[in-house]
Structure formats: structure tokens, C-alpha cells
């Protein structure tokens, strides 16, 4: 078994959608994952989507589908590092 980070559901109240809060929440979670990777190395961040809208949101951030699981997405540790360093 390969080491991976699994993100629990992240969400923003529906009344606050489209205000950039989801992106900020995910960005902070990814920064935290990257920092944790210095102590506990992993190969990917994995998460489950609740539907098409969340799937599109995470794919916009560079997440890809795990083969055979269209609503389980992953972001490689290398891609994570690139995203965090870009910030």
C-alpha cells in the first residue's frame, strides 16, 4: 500500500457559494498537506466528490480521476508541490 493523504469533505454553505471561499479553503488544506509531507512523505492527495459540481471544482485545481472511480480524485505530490510553490 502506498502512502496517501485523504481529504475529508470540504464545503462552503450554499448561501456563500461563488465567493471564492471554497478555493481559499482548499488552498489552505493543500498547503497544510504539503507541510505535513515534510514529516510524513506521501505520493498523492485523494478525495471523494459529492457530485458533478464538486468534481469540476477539484478538476479545475488539477485533480484527476482514479481509474474506475469517476468521483474519487487524486492530486500527485509533485503537482501539489508545484501548486503550493506557485502561490
PDB file of N, CA and C in Angstrom:
ATOM      1  N   UNK A   1       0.847  -1.179   0.000  1.00  0.00           N
ATOM      2  CA  UNK A   1       0.000   0.000   0.000  1.00  0.00           C
ATOM      3  C   UNK A   1       0.896   1.248   0.000  1.00  0.00           C
ATOM      4  N   UNK A   2       0.560   2.197  -0.827  1.00  0.00           N
ATOM      5  CA  UNK A   2       1.339   3.422  -0.932  1.00  0.00           C
ATOM      6  C   UNK A   2       0.741   4.508  -0.035  1.00  0.00           C
ATOM      7  N   UNK A   3       1.584   5.340   0.564  1.00  0.00           N
ATOM      8  CA  UNK A   3       1.069   6.391   1.459  1.00  0.00           C
ATOM      9  C   UNK A   3       0.374   7.509   0.677  1.00  0.00           C
ATOM     10  N   UNK A   4      -0.777   7.911   1.172  1.00  0.00           N
ATOM     11  CA  UNK A   4      -1.537   8.996   0.553  1.00  0.00           C
ATOM     12  C   UNK A   4      -2.246   9.787   1.646  1.00  0.00           C
ATOM     13  N   UNK A   5      -2.564  11.022   1.328  1.00  0.00           N
ATOM     14  CA  UNK A   5      -3.364  11.874   2.206  1.00  0.00           C
ATOM     15  C   UNK A   5      -4.796  11.798   1.690  1.00  0.00           C
ATOM     16  N   UNK A   6      -5.739  11.602   2.590  1.00  0.00           N
ATOM     17  CA  UNK A   6      -7.153  11.596   2.207  1.00  0.00           C
ATOM     18  C   UNK A   6      -7.795  12.822   2.827  1.00  0.00           C
ATOM     19  N   UNK A   7      -8.330  13.683   1.976  1.00  0.00           N
ATOM     20  CA  UNK A   7      -9.018  14.873   2.472  1.00  0.00           C
ATOM     21  C   UNK A   7     -10.468  14.525   2.773  1.00  0.00           C
ATOM     22  N   UNK A   8     -10.903  14.881   3.959  1.00  0.00           N
ATOM     23  CA  UNK A   8     -12.317  14.735   4.302  1.00  0.00           C
ATOM     24  C   UNK A   8     -13.096  15.786   3.526  1.00  0.00           C
ATOM     25  N   UNK A   9     -14.360  15.686   3.560  1.00  0.00           N
ATOM     26  CA  UNK A   9     -15.177  16.634   2.809  1.00  0.00           C
ATOM     27  C   UNK A   9     -14.899  18.062   3.243  1.00  0.00           C
ATOM     28  N   UNK A  10     -14.695  18.894   2.267  1.00  0.00           N
ATOM     29  CA  UNK A  10     -14.568  20.325   2.482  1.00  0.00           C
ATOM     30  C   UNK A  10     -15.822  20.955   1.891  1.00  0.00           C
ATOM     31  N   UNK A  11     -16.353  21.943   2.526  1.00  0.00           N
ATOM     32  CA  UNK A  11     -17.543  22.544   1.963  1.00  0.00           C
ATOM     33  C   UNK A  11     -17.794  23.941   2.468  1.00  0.00           C
ATOM     34  N   UNK A  12     -18.559  24.653   1.682  1.00  0.00           N
ATOM     35  CA  UNK A  12     -18.961  26.014   1.993  1.00  0.00           C
ATOM     36  C   UNK A  12     -20.486  26.043   1.947  1.00  0.00           C
ATOM     37  N   UNK A  13     -21.093  26.713   2.886  1.00  0.00           N
ATOM     38  CA  UNK A  13     -22.542  26.856   2.911  1.00  0.00           C
ATOM     39  C   UNK A  13     -23.035  27.329   1.546  1.00  0.00           C
ATOM     40  N   UNK A  14     -24.109  26.732   1.064  1.00  0.00           N
ATOM     41  CA  UNK A  14     -24.644  27.051  -0.268  1.00  0.00           C
ATOM     42  C   UNK A  14     -24.921  28.544  -0.433  1.00  0.00           C
ATOM     43  N   UNK A  15     -25.272  29.232   0.642  1.00  0.00           N
ATOM     44  CA  UNK A  15     -25.540  30.672   0.551  1.00  0.00           C
ATOM     45  C   UNK A  15     -24.272  31.479   0.267  1.00  0.00           C
ATOM     46  N   UNK A  16     -23.120  30.855   0.470  1.00  0.00           N
ATOM     47  CA  UNK A  16     -21.845  31.558   0.282  1.00  0.00           C
ATOM     48  C   UNK A  16     -21.076  31.082  -0.948  1.00  0.00           C
ATOM     49  N   UNK A  17     -21.723  30.255  -1.773  1.00  0.00           N
ATOM     50  CA  UNK A  17     -21.061  29.780  -2.992  1.00  0.00           C
ATOM     51  C   UNK A  17     -20.721  30.953  -3.906  1.00  0.00           C
ATOM     52  N   UNK A  18     -19.721  30.722  -4.746  1.00  0.00           N
ATOM     53  CA  UNK A  18     -19.302  31.680  -5.781  1.00  0.00           C
ATOM     54  C   UNK A  18     -18.681  32.952  -5.200  1.00  0.00           C
ATOM     55  N   UNK A  19     -18.111  32.840  -4.008  1.00  0.00           N
ATOM     56  CA  UNK A  19     -17.429  33.989  -3.404  1.00  0.00           C
ATOM     57  C   UNK A  19     -15.938  33.725  -3.214  1.00  0.00           C
ATOM     58  N   UNK A  20     -15.456  32.600  -3.723  1.00  0.00           N
ATOM     59  CA  UNK A  20     -14.037  32.279  -3.617  1.00  0.00           C
ATOM     60  C   UNK A  20     -13.637  31.591  -2.329  1.00  0.00           C
ATOM     61  N   UNK A  21     -14.596  31.325  -1.460  1.00  0.00           N
ATOM     62  CA  UNK A  21     -14.268  30.717  -0.167  1.00  0.00           C
ATOM     63  C   UNK A  21     -13.818  29.265  -0.322  1.00  0.00           C
ATOM     64  N   UNK A  22     -14.436  28.523  -1.249  1.00  0.00           N
ATOM     65  CA  UNK A  22     -14.042  27.133  -1.468  1.00  0.00           C
ATOM     66  C   UNK A  22     -12.606  27.027  -1.943  1.00  0.00           C
ATOM     67  N   UNK A  23     -12.212  27.905  -2.834  1.00  0.00           N
ATOM     68  CA  UNK A  23     -10.833  27.920  -3.316  1.00  0.00           C
ATOM     69  C   UNK A  23      -9.855  28.244  -2.212  1.00  0.00           C
ATOM     70  N   UNK A  24     -10.225  29.188  -1.365  1.00  0.00           N
ATOM     71  CA  UNK A  24      -9.345  29.549  -0.239  1.00  0.00           C
ATOM     72  C   UNK A  24      -9.243  28.402   0.761  1.00  0.00           C
ATOM     73  N   UNK A  25     -10.364  27.731   1.015  1.00  0.00           N
ATOM     74  CA  UNK A  25     -10.369  26.600   1.928  1.00  0.00           C
ATOM     75  C   UNK A  25      -9.502  25.467   1.394  1.00  0.00           C
ATOM     76  N   UNK A  26      -9.661  25.152   0.101  1.00  0.00           N
ATOM     77  CA  UNK A  26      -8.853  24.096  -0.500  1.00  0.00           C
ATOM     78  C   UNK A  26      -7.381  24.484  -0.537  1.00  0.00           C
ATOM     79  N   UNK A  27      -7.088  25.725  -0.870  1.00  0.00           N
ATOM     80  CA  UNK A  27      -5.688  26.172  -0.913  1.00  0.00           C
ATOM     81  C   UNK A  27      -5.017  25.993   0.443  1.00  0.00           C
ATOM     82  N   UNK A  28      -5.717  26.342   1.514  1.00  0.00           N
ATOM     83  CA  UNK A  28      -5.138  26.171   2.853  1.00  0.00           C
ATOM     84  C   UNK A  28      -4.958  24.692   3.183  1.00  0.00           C
ATOM     85  N   UNK A  29      -5.944  23.867   2.834  1.00  0.00           N
ATOM     86  CA  UNK A  29      -5.829  22.422   3.081  1.00  0.00           C
ATOM     87  C   UNK A  29      -4.644  21.836   2.318  1.00  0.00           C
ATOM     88  N   UNK A  30      -4.446  22.271   1.081  1.00  0.00           N
ATOM     89  CA  UNK A  30      -3.322  21.766   0.288  1.00  0.00           C
ATOM     90  C   UNK A  30      -1.986  22.246   0.837  1.00  0.00           C
ATOM     91  N   UNK A  31      -1.924  23.489   1.312  1.00  0.00           N
ATOM     92  CA  UNK A  31      -0.689  23.973   1.956  1.00  0.00           C
ATOM     93  C   UNK A  31      -0.389  23.143   3.196  1.00  0.00           C
ATOM     94  N   UNK A  32      -1.412  22.849   3.970  1.00  0.00           N
ATOM     95  CA  UNK A  32      -1.226  22.024   5.171  1.00  0.00           C
ATOM     96  C   UNK A  32      -0.730  20.625   4.810  1.00  0.00           C
ATOM     97  N   UNK A  33      -1.284  20.051   3.734  1.00  0.00           N
ATOM     98  CA  UNK A  33      -0.828  18.738   3.275  1.00  0.00           C
ATOM     99  C   UNK A  33       0.642  18.788   2.862  1.00  0.00           C
ATOM    100  N   UNK A  34       0.995  19.827   2.142  1.00  0.00           N
ATOM    101  CA  UNK A  34       2.370  19.972   1.677  1.00  0.00           C
ATOM    102  C   UNK A  34       3.337  20.068   2.854  1.00  0.00           C
ATOM    103  N   UNK A  35       2.978  20.845   3.853  1.00  0.00           N
ATOM    104  CA  UNK A  35       3.818  20.966   5.053  1.00  0.00           C
ATOM    105  C   UNK A  35       3.927  19.631   5.777  1.00  0.00           C
ATOM    106  N   UNK A  36       2.829  18.912   5.886  1.00  0.00           N
ATOM    107  CA  UNK A  36       2.845  17.601   6.548  1.00  0.00           C
ATOM    108  C   UNK A  36       3.723  16.617   5.782  1.00  0.00           C
ATOM    109  N   UNK A  37       3.791  16.781   4.466  1.00  0.00           N
ATOM    110  CA  UNK A  37       4.606  15.898   3.649  1.00  0.00           C
ATOM    111  C   UNK A  37       6.090  15.969   3.959  1.00  0.00           C
ATOM    112  N   UNK A  38       6.530  17.046   4.588  1.00  0.00           N
ATOM    113  CA  UNK A  38       7.938  17.138   5.003  1.00  0.00           C
ATOM    114  C   UNK A  38       8.233  16.142   6.121  1.00  0.00           C
ATOM    115  N   UNK A  39       7.232  15.812   6.911  1.00  0.00           N
ATOM    116  CA  UNK A  39       7.389  14.866   8.015  1.00  0.00           C
ATOM    117  C   UNK A  39       6.936  13.460   7.627  1.00  0.00           C
ATOM    118  N   UNK A  40       5.815  13.394   6.912  1.00  0.00           N
ATOM    119  CA  UNK A  40       5.235  12.123   6.507  1.00  0.00           C
ATOM    120  C   UNK A  40       5.066  12.115   4.983  1.00  0.00           C
ATOM    121  N   UNK A  41       6.088  11.695   4.253  1.00  0.00           N
ATOM    122  CA  UNK A  41       6.012  11.720   2.787  1.00  0.00           C
ATOM    123  C   UNK A  41       4.850  10.881   2.257  1.00  0.00           C
ATOM    124  N   UNK A  42       4.231  11.349   1.187  1.00  0.00           N
ATOM    125  CA  UNK A  42       3.124  10.650   0.546  1.00  0.00           C
ATOM    126  C   UNK A  42       3.213  10.866  -0.955  1.00  0.00           C
ATOM    127  N   UNK A  43       2.462  10.069  -1.694  1.00  0.00           N
ATOM    128  CA  UNK A  43       2.538  10.170  -3.155  1.00  0.00           C
ATOM    129  C   UNK A  43       1.387  10.955  -3.760  1.00  0.00           C
ATOM    130  N   UNK A  44       0.274  11.102  -3.019  1.00  0.00           N
ATOM    131  CA  UNK A  44      -0.879  11.793  -3.594  1.00  0.00           C
ATOM    132  C   UNK A  44      -1.847  12.244  -2.515  1.00  0.00           C
ATOM    133  N   UNK A  45      -2.670  13.203  -2.877  1.00  0.00           N
ATOM    134  CA  UNK A  45      -3.815  13.629  -2.073  1.00  0.00           C
ATOM    135  C   UNK A  45      -5.044  13.046  -2.774  1.00  0.00           C
ATOM    136  N   UNK A  46      -5.897  12.374  -2.022  1.00  0.00           N
ATOM    137  CA  UNK A  46      -7.088  11.735  -2.574  1.00  0.00           C
ATOM    138  C   UNK A  46      -8.322  12.319  -1.906  1.00  0.00           C
ATOM    139  N   UNK A  47      -9.396  12.473  -2.677  1.00  0.00           N
ATOM    140  CA  UNK A  47     -10.660  12.939  -2.107  1.00  0.00           C
ATOM    141  C   UNK A  47     -11.823  12.377  -2.901  1.00  0.00           C
ATOM    142  N   UNK A  48     -12.988  12.390  -2.293  1.00  0.00           N
ATOM    143  CA  UNK A  48     -14.220  11.950  -2.943  1.00  0.00           C
ATOM    144  C   UNK A  48     -15.093  13.160  -3.223  1.00  0.00           C
ATOM    145  N   UNK A  49     -15.678  13.200  -4.415  1.00  0.00           N
ATOM    146  CA  UNK A  49     -16.571  14.294  -4.809  1.00  0.00           C
ATOM    147  C   UNK A  49     -18.011  13.919  -4.467  1.00  0.00           C
ATOM    148  N   UNK A  50     -18.828  14.925  -4.218  1.00  0.00           N
ATOM    149  CA  UNK A  50     -20.236  14.699  -3.916  1.00  0.00           C
ATOM    150  C   UNK A  50     -21.110  14.783  -5.152  1.00  0.00           C
ATOM    151  N   UNK A  51     -20.587  15.265  -6.255  1.00  0.00           N
ATOM    152  CA  UNK A  51     -21.375  15.397  -7.480  1.00  0.00           C
ATOM    153  C   UNK A  51     -20.565  16.059  -8.566  1.00  0.00           C
ATOM    154  N   UNK A  52     -21.229  16.360  -9.661  1.00  0.00           N
ATOM    155  CA  UNK A  52     -20.555  16.949 -10.821  1.00  0.00           C
ATOM    156  C   UNK A  52     -19.964  18.326 -10.526  1.00  0.00           C
ATOM    157  N   UNK A  53     -20.669  19.135  -9.748  1.00  0.00           N
ATOM    158  CA  UNK A  53     -20.165  20.478  -9.461  1.00  0.00           C
ATOM    159  C   UNK A  53     -18.862  20.420  -8.667  1.00  0.00           C
ATOM    160  N   UNK A  54     -18.819  19.586  -7.635  1.00  0.00           N
ATOM    161  CA  UNK A  54     -17.582  19.494  -6.855  1.00  0.00           C
ATOM    162  C   UNK A  54     -16.482  18.826  -7.667  1.00  0.00           C
ATOM    163  N   UNK A  55     -16.858  17.871  -8.508  1.00  0.00           N
ATOM    164  CA  UNK A  55     -15.873  17.211  -9.365  1.00  0.00           C
ATOM    165  C   UNK A  55     -15.212  18.230 -10.295  1.00  0.00           C
ATOM    166  N   UNK A  56     -16.014  19.088 -10.897  1.00  0.00           N
ATOM    167  CA  UNK A  56     -15.477  20.125 -11.787  1.00  0.00           C
ATOM    168  C   UNK A  56     -14.582  21.094 -11.020  1.00  0.00           C
ATOM    169  N   UNK A  57     -14.976  21.433  -9.798  1.00  0.00           N
ATOM    170  CA  UNK A  57     -14.183  22.342  -8.961  1.00  0.00           C
ATOM    171  C   UNK A  57     -12.791  21.762  -8.717  1.00  0.00           C
ATOM    172  N   UNK A  58     -12.729  20.494  -8.287  1.00  0.00           N
ATOM    173  CA  UNK A  58     -11.435  19.892  -7.987  1.00  0.00           C
ATOM    174  C   UNK A  58     -10.608  19.647  -9.246  1.00  0.00           C
ATOM    175  N   UNK A  59     -11.258  19.305 -10.348  1.00  0.00           N
ATOM    176  CA  UNK A  59     -10.520  19.108 -11.594  1.00  0.00           C
ATOM    177  C   UNK A  59      -9.890  20.427 -12.042  1.00  0.00           C
ATOM    178  N   UNK A  60     -10.570  21.536 -11.779  1.00  0.00           N
ATOM    179  CA  UNK A  60     -10.006  22.853 -12.090  1.00  0.00           C
ATOM    180  C   UNK A  60      -8.696  23.075 -11.333  1.00  0.00           C
ATOM    181  N   UNK A  61      -8.565  22.489 -10.160  1.00  0.00           N
ATOM    182  CA  UNK A  61      -7.363  22.597  -9.339  1.00  0.00           C
ATOM    183  C   UNK A  61      -6.290  21.586  -9.736  1.00  0.00           C
ATOM    184  N   UNK A  62      -6.556  20.766 -10.732  1.00  0.00           N
ATOM    185  CA  UNK A  62      -5.544  19.821 -11.209  1.00  0.00           C
ATOM    186  C   UNK A  62      -5.725  18.392 -10.732  1.00  0.00           C
ATOM    187  N   UNK A  63      -6.802  18.114 -10.011  1.00  0.00           N
ATOM    188  CA  UNK A  63      -7.066  16.746  -9.582  1.00  0.00           C
ATOM    189  C   UNK A  63      -7.488  15.910 -10.791  1.00  0.00           C
ATOM    190  N   UNK A  64      -7.156  14.625 -10.762  1.00  0.00           N
ATOM    191  CA  UNK A  64      -7.510  13.680 -11.825  1.00  0.00           C
ATOM    192  C   UNK A  64      -8.300  12.525 -11.233  1.00  0.00           C
ATOM    193  N   UNK A  65      -9.058  11.840 -12.101  1.00  0.00           N
ATOM    194  CA  UNK A  65      -9.840  10.686 -11.656  1.00  0.00           C
ATOM    195  C   UNK A  65      -8.937   9.492 -11.397  1.00  0.00           C
ATOM    196  N   UNK A  66      -9.255   8.743 -10.347  1.00  0.00           N
ATOM    197  CA  UNK A  66      -8.638   7.441 -10.169  1.00  0.00           C
ATOM    198  C   UNK A  66      -9.318   6.503 -11.163  1.00  0.00           C
ATOM    199  N   UNK A  67      -8.574   5.700 -11.887  1.00  0.00           N
ATOM    200  CA  UNK A  67      -9.175   4.807 -12.881  1.00  0.00           C
ATOM    201  C   UNK A  67     -10.294   3.953 -12.265  1.00  0.00           C
ATOM    202  N   UNK A  68     -11.440   3.981 -12.926  1.00  0.00           N
ATOM    203  CA  UNK A  68     -12.575   3.188 -12.477  1.00  0.00           C
ATOM    204  C   UNK A  68     -13.410   3.830 -11.387  1.00  0.00           C
ATOM    205  N   UNK A  69     -13.015   5.019 -10.933  1.00  0.00           N
ATOM    206  CA  UNK A  69     -13.724   5.714  -9.851  1.00  0.00           C
ATOM    207  C   UNK A  69     -13.891   7.190 -10.226  1.00  0.00           C
ATOM    208  N   UNK A  70     -14.906   7.535 -11.018  1.00  0.00           N
ATOM    209  CA  UNK A  70     -15.022   8.904 -11.527  1.00  0.00           C
ATOM    210  C   UNK A  70     -15.212   9.982 -10.462  1.00  0.00           C
ATOM    211  N   UNK A  71     -15.662   9.607  -9.266  1.00  0.00           N
ATOM    212  CA  UNK A  71     -15.854  10.612  -8.221  1.00  0.00           C
ATOM    213  C   UNK A  71     -14.791  10.522  -7.120  1.00  0.00           C
ATOM    214  N   UNK A  72     -13.761   9.742  -7.337  1.00  0.00           N
ATOM    215  CA  UNK A  72     -12.605   9.709  -6.437  1.00  0.00           C
ATOM    216  C   UNK A  72     -11.448  10.298  -7.230  1.00  0.00           C
ATOM    217  N   UNK A  73     -10.938  11.419  -6.754  1.00  0.00           N
ATOM    218  CA  UNK A  73      -9.904  12.148  -7.480  1.00  0.00           C
ATOM    219  C   UNK A  73      -8.597  12.138  -6.707  1.00  0.00           C
ATOM    220  N   UNK A  74      -7.518  12.367  -7.432  1.00  0.00           N
ATOM    221  CA  UNK A  74      -6.207  12.443  -6.790  1.00  0.00           C
ATOM    222  C   UNK A  74      -5.399  13.587  -7.374  1.00  0.00           C
ATOM    223  N   UNK A  75      -4.465  14.053  -6.570  1.00  0.00           N
ATOM    224  CA  UNK A  75      -3.500  15.071  -6.969  1.00  0.00           C
ATOM    225  C   UNK A  75      -2.146  14.530  -6.554  1.00  0.00           C
ATOM    226  N   UNK A  76      -1.236  14.385  -7.493  1.00  0.00           N
ATOM    227  CA  UNK A  76       0.078  13.833  -7.155  1.00  0.00           C
ATOM    228  C   UNK A  76       0.827  14.786  -6.229  1.00  0.00           C
ATOM    229  N   UNK A  77       1.719  14.225  -5.444  1.00  0.00           N
ATOM    230  CA  UNK A  77       2.523  15.048  -4.537  1.00  0.00           C
ATOM    231  C   UNK A  77       3.356  16.056  -5.322  1.00  0.00           C
ATOM    232  N   UNK A  78       3.849  15.657  -6.490  1.00  0.00           N
ATOM    233  CA  UNK A  78       4.635  16.577  -7.322  1.00  0.00           C
ATOM    234  C   UNK A  78       3.782  17.755  -7.788  1.00  0.00           C
ATOM    235  N   UNK A  79       2.545  17.472  -8.203  1.00  0.00           N
ATOM    236  CA  UNK A  79       1.636  18.543  -8.642  1.00  0.00           C
ATOM    237  C   UNK A  79       1.273  19.428  -7.462  1.00  0.00           C
ATOM    238  N   UNK A  80       1.063  18.830  -6.304  1.00  0.00           N
ATOM    239  CA  UNK A  80       0.765  19.590  -5.086  1.00  0.00           C
ATOM    240  C   UNK A  80       1.884  20.568  -4.788  1.00  0.00           C
ATOM    241  N   UNK A  81       3.111  20.104  -4.828  1.00  0.00           N
ATOM    242  CA  UNK A  81       4.261  20.977  -4.572  1.00  0.00           C
ATOM    243  C   UNK A  81       4.297  22.125  -5.561  1.00  0.00           C
ATOM    244  N   UNK A  82       4.030  21.844  -6.826  1.00  0.00           N
ATOM    245  CA  UNK A  82       4.036  22.893  -7.860  1.00  0.00           C
ATOM    246  C   UNK A  82       2.949  23.933  -7.576  1.00  0.00           C
ATOM    247  N   UNK A  83       1.774  23.482  -7.155  1.00  0.00           N
ATOM    248  CA  UNK A  83       0.672  24.407  -6.853  1.00  0.00           C
ATOM    249  C   UNK A  83       1.039  25.287  -5.669  1.00  0.00           C
ATOM    250  N   UNK A  84       1.567  24.697  -4.615  1.00  0.00           N
ATOM    251  CA  UNK A  84       1.899  25.458  -3.410  1.00  0.00           C
ATOM    252  C   UNK A  84       3.028  26.442  -3.686  1.00  0.00           C
ATOM    253  N   UNK A  85       4.030  26.029  -4.452  1.00  0.00           N
ATOM    254  CA  UNK A  85       5.151  26.918  -4.765  1.00  0.00           C
ATOM    255  C   UNK A  85       4.720  28.062  -5.675  1.00  0.00           C
ATOM    256  N   UNK A  86       3.699  27.844  -6.481  1.00  0.00           N
ATOM    257  CA  UNK A  86       3.171  28.879  -7.381  1.00  0.00           C
ATOM    258  C   UNK A  86       2.491  29.980  -6.607  1.00  0.00           C
ATOM    259  N   UNK A  87       1.932  29.649  -5.478  1.00  0.00           N
ATOM    260  CA  UNK A  87       1.158  30.601  -4.660  1.00  0.00           C
ATOM    261  C   UNK A  87       1.978  31.729  -4.130  1.00  0.00           C
TER     262      UNK A  87
END
